[in-house]
């Protein structure tokens, strides 16, 4: 099990079961495990997901975006639901912009 901390400081778990589910349905995601955890800790954007979930987005080369869907269950626990790469994102659902430096 891997753990990364969200922008809210909540530990977000990537369990073996969820990882197996992700790569079974999206084999290309095998190359993105470390980037998924990095996205949780240092996203480009955080978007509002469905039914209380959050989606962290990390910009990738070639105008692609790594999306990691997770839920914060409490201030001390959360878990990754799924992850995928997309060509577009709905920035109207942005709830946390990355600080511009």
N, C-alpha and C. Protein backbone atom coordinates (compact mmCIF):
# COMPACT_ATOMS: atom_id res chain seq x y z
N UNK A 1 0.84 -1.17 0.00
CA UNK A 1 0.00 0.00 0.00
C UNK A 1 0.89 1.25 0.00
N UNK A 2 0.56 2.19 -0.85
CA UNK A 2 1.28 3.46 -0.95
C UNK A 2 0.40 4.55 -0.34
N UNK A 3 1.04 5.60 0.20
CA UNK A 3 0.30 6.71 0.80
C UNK A 3 0.89 8.02 0.32
N UNK A 4 0.00 8.94 -0.05
CA UNK A 4 0.40 10.30 -0.41
C UNK A 4 -0.53 11.24 0.37
N UNK A 5 -0.09 12.45 0.61
CA UNK A 5 -0.91 13.41 1.36
C UNK A 5 -1.52 14.44 0.41
N UNK A 6 -2.83 14.63 0.55
CA UNK A 6 -3.56 15.56 -0.31
C UNK A 6 -3.20 17.00 0.02
N UNK A 7 -3.69 17.93 -0.78
CA UNK A 7 -3.45 19.35 -0.52
C UNK A 7 -4.08 19.77 0.80
N UNK A 8 -5.02 18.98 1.33
CA UNK A 8 -5.64 19.24 2.63
C UNK A 8 -4.88 18.57 3.77
N UNK A 9 -3.77 17.87 3.44
CA UNK A 9 -2.98 17.20 4.46
C UNK A 9 -3.52 15.84 4.88
N UNK A 10 -4.49 15.32 4.14
CA UNK A 10 -5.10 14.03 4.46
C UNK A 10 -4.28 12.91 3.81
N UNK A 11 -3.91 11.86 4.57
CA UNK A 11 -3.23 10.73 3.95
C UNK A 11 -4.19 9.97 3.03
N UNK A 12 -3.78 9.80 1.77
CA UNK A 12 -4.60 9.14 0.76
C UNK A 12 -3.92 7.82 0.40
N UNK A 13 -4.63 6.72 0.61
CA UNK A 13 -4.08 5.38 0.39
C UNK A 13 -4.32 4.91 -1.05
N UNK A 14 -3.32 4.29 -1.63
CA UNK A 14 -3.47 3.54 -2.87
C UNK A 14 -3.28 2.08 -2.47
N UNK A 15 -4.40 1.36 -2.32
CA UNK A 15 -4.34 -0.03 -1.86
C UNK A 15 -3.98 -0.95 -3.03
N UNK A 16 -3.53 -2.13 -2.69
CA UNK A 16 -3.21 -3.12 -3.72
C UNK A 16 -4.46 -3.47 -4.54
N UNK A 17 -5.60 -3.55 -3.87
CA UNK A 17 -6.86 -3.86 -4.57
C UNK A 17 -7.20 -2.80 -5.59
N UNK A 18 -7.08 -1.52 -5.22
CA UNK A 18 -7.40 -0.43 -6.15
C UNK A 18 -6.39 -0.39 -7.30
N UNK A 19 -5.10 -0.59 -6.98
CA UNK A 19 -4.08 -0.59 -8.02
C UNK A 19 -4.36 -1.70 -9.03
N UNK A 20 -4.70 -2.89 -8.53
CA UNK A 20 -5.01 -4.01 -9.42
C UNK A 20 -6.22 -3.67 -10.29
N UNK A 21 -7.22 -3.04 -9.71
CA UNK A 21 -8.42 -2.64 -10.47
C UNK A 21 -8.05 -1.64 -11.58
N UNK A 22 -7.22 -0.66 -11.24
CA UNK A 22 -6.83 0.37 -12.21
C UNK A 22 -6.09 -0.25 -13.38
N UNK A 23 -5.07 -1.05 -13.11
CA UNK A 23 -4.25 -1.59 -14.21
C UNK A 23 -4.95 -2.72 -14.97
N UNK A 24 -5.92 -3.37 -14.32
CA UNK A 24 -6.69 -4.39 -15.04
C UNK A 24 -7.56 -3.74 -16.11
N UNK A 25 -8.15 -2.59 -15.77
CA UNK A 25 -9.03 -1.90 -16.71
C UNK A 25 -8.30 -0.94 -17.64
N UNK A 26 -7.13 -0.47 -17.21
CA UNK A 26 -6.35 0.49 -18.00
C UNK A 26 -4.88 0.10 -17.92
N UNK A 27 -4.46 -0.92 -18.66
CA UNK A 27 -3.07 -1.42 -18.55
C UNK A 27 -2.00 -0.33 -18.75
N UNK A 28 -2.30 0.69 -19.54
CA UNK A 28 -1.32 1.76 -19.77
C UNK A 28 -0.97 2.50 -18.47
N UNK A 29 -1.80 2.37 -17.44
CA UNK A 29 -1.57 3.08 -16.19
C UNK A 29 -0.40 2.51 -15.38
N UNK A 30 0.10 1.33 -15.76
CA UNK A 30 1.26 0.76 -15.06
C UNK A 30 2.42 1.75 -15.01
N UNK A 31 2.56 2.55 -16.03
CA UNK A 31 3.66 3.51 -16.12
C UNK A 31 3.44 4.75 -15.25
N UNK A 32 2.28 4.87 -14.62
CA UNK A 32 1.94 6.10 -13.92
C UNK A 32 1.81 5.99 -12.41
N UNK A 33 2.19 4.90 -11.80
CA UNK A 33 2.00 4.73 -10.35
C UNK A 33 2.63 5.88 -9.56
N UNK A 34 3.89 6.16 -9.79
CA UNK A 34 4.57 7.23 -9.05
C UNK A 34 3.97 8.59 -9.36
N UNK A 35 3.60 8.81 -10.62
CA UNK A 35 3.00 10.09 -10.99
C UNK A 35 1.63 10.27 -10.34
N UNK A 36 0.90 9.17 -10.13
CA UNK A 36 -0.39 9.26 -9.44
C UNK A 36 -0.20 9.80 -8.03
N UNK A 37 0.77 9.26 -7.32
CA UNK A 37 1.04 9.71 -5.95
C UNK A 37 1.54 11.15 -5.94
N UNK A 38 2.37 11.50 -6.92
CA UNK A 38 2.86 12.87 -7.03
C UNK A 38 1.71 13.83 -7.32
N UNK A 39 0.75 13.39 -8.12
CA UNK A 39 -0.41 14.23 -8.45
C UNK A 39 -1.23 14.53 -7.20
N UNK A 40 -1.39 13.54 -6.33
CA UNK A 40 -2.14 13.76 -5.09
C UNK A 40 -1.44 14.80 -4.23
N UNK A 41 -0.12 14.74 -4.16
CA UNK A 41 0.63 15.64 -3.29
C UNK A 41 0.88 17.02 -3.89
N UNK A 42 1.00 17.10 -5.21
CA UNK A 42 1.32 18.37 -5.85
C UNK A 42 0.58 18.49 -7.19
N UNK A 43 -0.75 18.62 -7.13
CA UNK A 43 -1.53 18.66 -8.37
C UNK A 43 -1.43 20.00 -9.08
N UNK A 44 -1.77 19.98 -10.34
CA UNK A 44 -1.93 21.23 -11.08
C UNK A 44 -3.28 21.86 -10.71
N UNK A 45 -4.32 21.01 -10.63
CA UNK A 45 -5.66 21.43 -10.21
C UNK A 45 -6.28 20.34 -9.35
N UNK A 46 -7.23 20.76 -8.51
CA UNK A 46 -8.11 19.82 -7.83
C UNK A 46 -9.52 20.17 -8.28
N UNK A 47 -10.22 19.15 -8.78
CA UNK A 47 -11.59 19.34 -9.29
C UNK A 47 -12.59 18.64 -8.39
N UNK A 48 -13.79 19.16 -8.36
CA UNK A 48 -14.88 18.54 -7.65
C UNK A 48 -15.35 17.34 -8.45
N UNK A 49 -15.43 16.18 -7.83
CA UNK A 49 -15.90 14.96 -8.49
C UNK A 49 -17.34 14.68 -8.13
N UNK A 50 -17.79 13.49 -8.39
CA UNK A 50 -19.16 13.09 -8.08
C UNK A 50 -19.26 12.57 -6.66
N UNK A 51 -20.39 12.83 -6.02
CA UNK A 51 -20.73 12.34 -4.67
C UNK A 51 -19.59 12.45 -3.67
N UNK A 52 -18.99 13.62 -3.60
CA UNK A 52 -17.98 13.90 -2.60
C UNK A 52 -16.56 13.53 -2.96
N UNK A 53 -16.37 12.94 -4.12
CA UNK A 53 -15.01 12.60 -4.55
C UNK A 53 -14.30 13.86 -5.03
N UNK A 54 -12.98 13.78 -5.07
CA UNK A 54 -12.16 14.85 -5.60
C UNK A 54 -11.31 14.26 -6.71
N UNK A 55 -10.94 15.10 -7.66
CA UNK A 55 -10.10 14.67 -8.77
C UNK A 55 -8.89 15.59 -8.82
N UNK A 56 -7.71 15.00 -8.62
CA UNK A 56 -6.50 15.80 -8.80
C UNK A 56 -6.03 15.60 -10.23
N UNK A 57 -5.56 16.68 -10.82
CA UNK A 57 -5.12 16.65 -12.21
C UNK A 57 -3.68 17.12 -12.26
N UNK A 58 -2.88 16.36 -12.99
CA UNK A 58 -1.48 16.71 -13.20
C UNK A 58 -1.27 16.86 -14.70
N UNK A 59 -0.77 18.02 -15.12
CA UNK A 59 -0.49 18.24 -16.54
C UNK A 59 0.67 17.35 -16.97
N UNK A 60 0.50 16.71 -18.12
CA UNK A 60 1.52 15.86 -18.72
C UNK A 60 1.94 16.46 -20.05
N UNK A 61 3.03 15.99 -20.63
CA UNK A 61 3.41 16.47 -21.96
C UNK A 61 2.34 16.13 -23.00
N UNK A 62 2.41 16.80 -24.13
CA UNK A 62 1.52 16.57 -25.27
C UNK A 62 0.05 16.83 -24.95
N UNK A 63 -0.19 17.85 -24.11
CA UNK A 63 -1.55 18.26 -23.75
C UNK A 63 -2.41 17.11 -23.25
N UNK A 64 -1.84 16.35 -22.36
CA UNK A 64 -2.57 15.28 -21.70
C UNK A 64 -2.62 15.58 -20.20
N UNK A 65 -3.57 14.94 -19.52
CA UNK A 65 -3.76 15.19 -18.10
C UNK A 65 -3.94 13.86 -17.36
N UNK A 66 -3.18 13.69 -16.30
CA UNK A 66 -3.36 12.54 -15.43
C UNK A 66 -4.41 12.91 -14.39
N UNK A 67 -5.48 12.14 -14.32
CA UNK A 67 -6.57 12.36 -13.38
C UNK A 67 -6.52 11.27 -12.32
N UNK A 68 -6.56 11.66 -11.06
CA UNK A 68 -6.61 10.69 -9.96
C UNK A 68 -7.85 11.03 -9.13
N UNK A 69 -8.79 10.09 -9.09
CA UNK A 69 -10.03 10.28 -8.35
C UNK A 69 -9.86 9.67 -6.97
N UNK A 70 -10.15 10.46 -5.94
CA UNK A 70 -10.02 9.95 -4.57
C UNK A 70 -11.08 10.54 -3.67
N UNK A 71 -11.20 9.96 -2.50
CA UNK A 71 -12.17 10.45 -1.51
C UNK A 71 -11.45 10.62 -0.18
N UNK A 72 -11.71 11.76 0.46
CA UNK A 72 -11.23 11.99 1.82
C UNK A 72 -12.37 11.57 2.75
N UNK A 73 -12.17 10.47 3.47
CA UNK A 73 -13.19 9.93 4.36
C UNK A 73 -13.26 10.74 5.65
N UNK A 74 -12.09 11.16 6.14
CA UNK A 74 -11.99 11.98 7.34
C UNK A 74 -10.74 12.84 7.21
N UNK A 75 -10.42 13.58 8.25
CA UNK A 75 -9.19 14.39 8.20
C UNK A 75 -7.95 13.53 8.30
N UNK A 76 -8.15 12.23 8.61
CA UNK A 76 -7.02 11.34 8.83
C UNK A 76 -6.99 10.14 7.89
N UNK A 77 -7.90 10.10 6.91
CA UNK A 77 -7.95 8.92 6.03
C UNK A 77 -8.64 9.25 4.72
N UNK A 78 -8.09 8.68 3.65
CA UNK A 78 -8.69 8.79 2.33
C UNK A 78 -8.13 7.69 1.45
N UNK A 79 -8.73 7.52 0.28
CA UNK A 79 -8.27 6.45 -0.61
C UNK A 79 -8.49 6.83 -2.06
N UNK A 80 -7.63 6.29 -2.93
CA UNK A 80 -7.75 6.49 -4.37
C UNK A 80 -8.81 5.52 -4.90
N UNK A 81 -9.68 6.03 -5.74
CA UNK A 81 -10.74 5.23 -6.34
C UNK A 81 -10.29 4.70 -7.70
N UNK A 82 -9.82 5.61 -8.55
CA UNK A 82 -9.36 5.23 -9.89
C UNK A 82 -8.46 6.31 -10.44
N UNK A 83 -7.90 6.06 -11.61
CA UNK A 83 -7.03 7.03 -12.26
C UNK A 83 -7.04 6.77 -13.77
N UNK A 84 -6.82 7.83 -14.54
CA UNK A 84 -6.80 7.70 -15.99
C UNK A 84 -6.13 8.92 -16.59
N UNK A 85 -5.76 8.81 -17.86
CA UNK A 85 -5.19 9.93 -18.61
C UNK A 85 -6.26 10.42 -19.58
N UNK A 86 -6.38 11.74 -19.69
CA UNK A 86 -7.37 12.32 -20.61
C UNK A 86 -6.73 13.44 -21.43
N UNK A 87 -7.41 13.83 -22.46
CA UNK A 87 -6.95 14.95 -23.31
C UNK A 87 -7.60 16.27 -22.90
N UNK A 88 -8.69 16.20 -22.15
CA UNK A 88 -9.39 17.41 -21.71
C UNK A 88 -9.77 17.28 -20.24
N UNK A 89 -10.02 18.42 -19.62
CA UNK A 89 -10.55 18.43 -18.25
C UNK A 89 -11.60 19.53 -18.17
N UNK A 90 -12.50 19.41 -17.21
CA UNK A 90 -13.54 20.41 -17.00
C UNK A 90 -13.08 21.35 -15.89
N UNK A 91 -12.40 22.41 -16.27
CA UNK A 91 -11.83 23.33 -15.29
C UNK A 91 -12.90 24.15 -14.58
N UNK A 92 -14.15 24.10 -15.03
CA UNK A 92 -15.20 24.82 -14.32
C UNK A 92 -15.47 24.18 -12.96
N UNK A 93 -15.02 22.94 -12.75
CA UNK A 93 -15.17 22.25 -11.48
C UNK A 93 -13.96 22.43 -10.57
N UNK A 94 -13.08 23.37 -10.89
CA UNK A 94 -11.86 23.59 -10.11
C UNK A 94 -12.21 24.08 -8.71
N UNK A 95 -11.64 23.41 -7.70
CA UNK A 95 -11.82 23.87 -6.32
C UNK A 95 -10.48 24.25 -5.68
N UNK A 96 -9.40 23.92 -6.33
CA UNK A 96 -8.09 24.31 -5.81
C UNK A 96 -7.13 24.54 -6.97
N UNK A 97 -6.77 25.79 -7.21
CA UNK A 97 -5.74 26.05 -8.23
C UNK A 97 -4.35 25.95 -7.61
N UNK A 98 -3.43 25.45 -8.39
CA UNK A 98 -2.04 25.42 -7.98
C UNK A 98 -1.56 26.86 -7.84
N UNK A 99 -0.77 27.12 -6.82
CA UNK A 99 -0.21 28.47 -6.64
C UNK A 99 0.73 28.76 -7.79
N UNK A 100 0.60 29.90 -8.38
CA UNK A 100 1.49 30.33 -9.46
C UNK A 100 2.73 30.93 -8.85
N UNK A 101 3.88 30.50 -9.32
CA UNK A 101 5.13 31.01 -8.76
C UNK A 101 5.81 31.88 -9.76
